[in-house]
Protein backbone atom coordinates (compact mmCIF):
# COMPACT_ATOMS: atom_id res chain seq x y z
CA UNK A 1 49.89 268.37 -68.36
CA UNK A 2 50.46 270.58 -65.34
CA UNK A 3 48.16 268.36 -63.28
CA UNK A 4 49.95 265.22 -64.32
CA UNK A 5 53.37 266.90 -63.37
CA UNK A 6 52.06 267.90 -59.85
CA UNK A 7 51.00 264.36 -59.26
CA UNK A 8 54.33 263.06 -60.27
CA UNK A 9 56.08 265.67 -58.11
CA UNK A 10 53.89 264.79 -55.22
CA UNK A 11 54.66 260.94 -55.69
CA UNK A 12 58.31 261.69 -55.96
CA UNK A 13 58.27 263.76 -52.70
CA UNK A 14 56.34 260.84 -50.96
CA UNK A 15 58.79 258.35 -51.99
CA UNK A 16 61.78 260.52 -50.89
CA UNK A 17 60.13 261.02 -47.45
CA UNK A 18 59.35 257.19 -47.19
CA UNK A 19 62.99 256.25 -48.03
CA UNK A 20 64.06 258.88 -45.43
CA UNK A 21 61.93 257.40 -42.78
CA UNK A 22 62.99 253.85 -43.60
CA UNK A 23 66.74 254.83 -43.32
CA UNK A 24 66.19 256.67 -40.13
CA UNK A 25 64.48 253.70 -38.46
CA UNK A 26 67.33 251.30 -39.88
CA UNK A 27 69.90 253.57 -38.48
CA UNK A 28 68.43 253.60 -35.11
CA UNK A 29 67.92 249.98 -34.95
CA UNK A 30 71.64 249.45 -35.99
CA UNK A 31 72.58 251.94 -33.05
CA UNK A 32 70.52 249.89 -30.59
CA UNK A 33 72.05 246.63 -31.81
CA UNK A 34 75.50 247.89 -31.28
CA UNK A 35 74.86 249.44 -27.88
CA UNK A 36 76.87 247.97 -24.97
CA UNK A 37 73.63 246.32 -23.56
CA UNK A 38 72.76 244.80 -26.86
CA UNK A 39 76.28 243.44 -27.09
CA UNK A 40 75.94 241.91 -23.59
CA UNK A 41 72.70 240.30 -24.63
CA UNK A 42 74.28 239.01 -27.90
CA UNK A 43 77.20 237.57 -25.83
CA UNK A 44 74.81 235.66 -23.54
CA UNK A 45 73.23 234.15 -26.76
CA UNK A 46 76.70 233.32 -28.23
CA UNK A 47 77.54 231.54 -24.92
CA UNK A 48 74.22 229.53 -25.02
CA UNK A 49 75.05 228.43 -28.60
CA UNK A 50 78.74 227.43 -27.52
CA UNK A 51 77.34 225.52 -24.53
CA UNK A 52 74.81 223.72 -26.44
CA UNK A 53 77.22 222.68 -29.15
CA UNK A 54 79.56 221.10 -26.52
CA UNK A 55 76.48 219.20 -24.95
CA UNK A 56 76.46 221.42 -21.89
CA UNK A 57 72.83 221.94 -21.13
CA UNK A 58 73.55 223.60 -17.76
CA UNK A 59 75.85 226.17 -19.60
CA UNK A 60 73.10 226.67 -22.27
CA UNK A 61 70.39 227.14 -19.55
CA UNK A 62 72.62 229.83 -17.75
CA UNK A 63 71.17 232.17 -20.27
CA UNK A 64 67.68 231.63 -19.07
CA UNK A 65 66.03 233.28 -15.88
CA UNK A 66 66.85 230.88 -13.00
CA UNK A 67 63.43 231.17 -11.46
CA UNK A 68 60.42 228.94 -10.75
CA UNK A 69 58.47 231.76 -12.50
CA UNK A 70 60.18 231.14 -15.85
CA UNK A 71 57.65 230.07 -18.45
CA UNK A 72 58.91 228.25 -21.42
CA UNK A 73 56.79 227.38 -24.59
CA UNK A 74 57.70 225.05 -27.41
CA UNK A 75 55.60 223.04 -29.82
CA UNK A 76 52.42 224.42 -28.27
CA UNK A 77 53.33 223.06 -24.78
CA UNK A 78 54.25 225.36 -21.96
CA UNK A 79 56.38 224.40 -18.72
CA UNK A 80 56.95 226.43 -15.67
CA UNK A 81 60.28 226.70 -13.84
CA UNK A 82 64.04 226.75 -14.77
CA UNK A 83 64.55 223.29 -13.45
CA UNK A 84 61.52 221.81 -15.32
CA UNK A 85 62.68 223.66 -18.63
CA UNK A 86 66.14 222.03 -18.15
CA UNK A 87 64.53 218.61 -17.57
CA UNK A 88 62.57 219.02 -20.70
CA UNK A 89 65.77 219.74 -22.72
CA UNK A 90 67.41 216.66 -21.12
CA UNK A 91 64.52 214.49 -21.91
CA UNK A 92 64.11 215.70 -25.50
CA UNK A 93 67.80 216.01 -26.66
CA UNK A 94 69.89 213.95 -24.31
CA UNK A 95 67.80 210.75 -23.53
CA UNK A 96 68.54 207.51 -25.38
CA UNK A 97 67.97 207.66 -29.13
CA UNK A 98 68.02 211.50 -29.21
CA UNK A 99 70.77 213.94 -30.28
CA UNK A 100 71.37 217.43 -29.63
CA UNK A 101 72.77 218.38 -32.99
CA UNK A 102 74.60 221.72 -33.57
CA UNK A 103 72.61 224.76 -32.72
CA UNK A 104 72.74 228.13 -34.68
CA UNK A 105 70.92 231.52 -34.00
CA UNK A 106 70.38 234.04 -36.60
CA UNK A 107 68.30 237.07 -37.48
CA UNK A 108 68.70 238.20 -33.98
CA UNK A 109 66.85 241.50 -33.20
CA UNK A 110 67.40 243.18 -29.71
CA UNK A 111 65.04 245.94 -28.60
CA UNK A 112 66.15 247.51 -25.42
CA UNK A 113 62.95 248.37 -23.35
CA UNK A 114 64.63 249.86 -20.24
CA UNK A 115 68.01 249.77 -18.60
CA UNK A 116 67.24 246.31 -17.23
CA UNK A 117 64.87 244.63 -19.83
CA UNK A 118 65.02 243.90 -23.53
CA UNK A 119 62.84 242.12 -26.12
CA UNK A 120 65.01 239.78 -28.17
CA UNK A 121 63.81 237.73 -31.22
CA UNK A 122 65.53 235.55 -33.68
CA UNK A 123 65.75 232.29 -35.39
CA UNK A 124 67.06 228.97 -34.10
CA UNK A 125 68.21 226.02 -36.09
CA UNK A 126 69.40 222.65 -35.12
CA UNK A 127 71.62 220.70 -37.57
CA UNK A 128 71.11 217.04 -36.74
CA UNK A 129 72.03 213.86 -38.75
CA UNK A 130 68.70 213.32 -40.30
CA UNK A 131 67.02 216.83 -40.13
CA UNK A 132 67.26 220.43 -39.48
CA UNK A 133 64.50 221.56 -37.12
CA UNK A 134 64.26 225.26 -36.50
CA UNK A 135 61.89 228.04 -35.34
CA UNK A 136 61.60 231.46 -33.90
CA UNK A 137 62.32 232.58 -30.40
């Protein structure tokens, strides 16, 4: 019995340590998401959604890096340059027979890498009349 009790005690300690580590990581991530920098990034994303939903592609694209070095990937295809990306959006969502739908971002995770850079991930969804495409960014 003593050996069984020791094994149970070791398992219990491991579980407590694991939960402590998980809660510590979650608390750190929450602080990062609530930092002034993360709030500014979230505001950019919110402005992009608002611009898209009022059919303002230039406003939506203001959240992108305005550079010829921008690389944009979607559906297995990559394009280079801010203007090329804007033209791709126009062709795909504003040309005859296409619709923009209502954009929504969710599950946003912001990881601050330095004072001037961050890694942002999330899920996008377009609610359209006949479908709801979505994906990760």
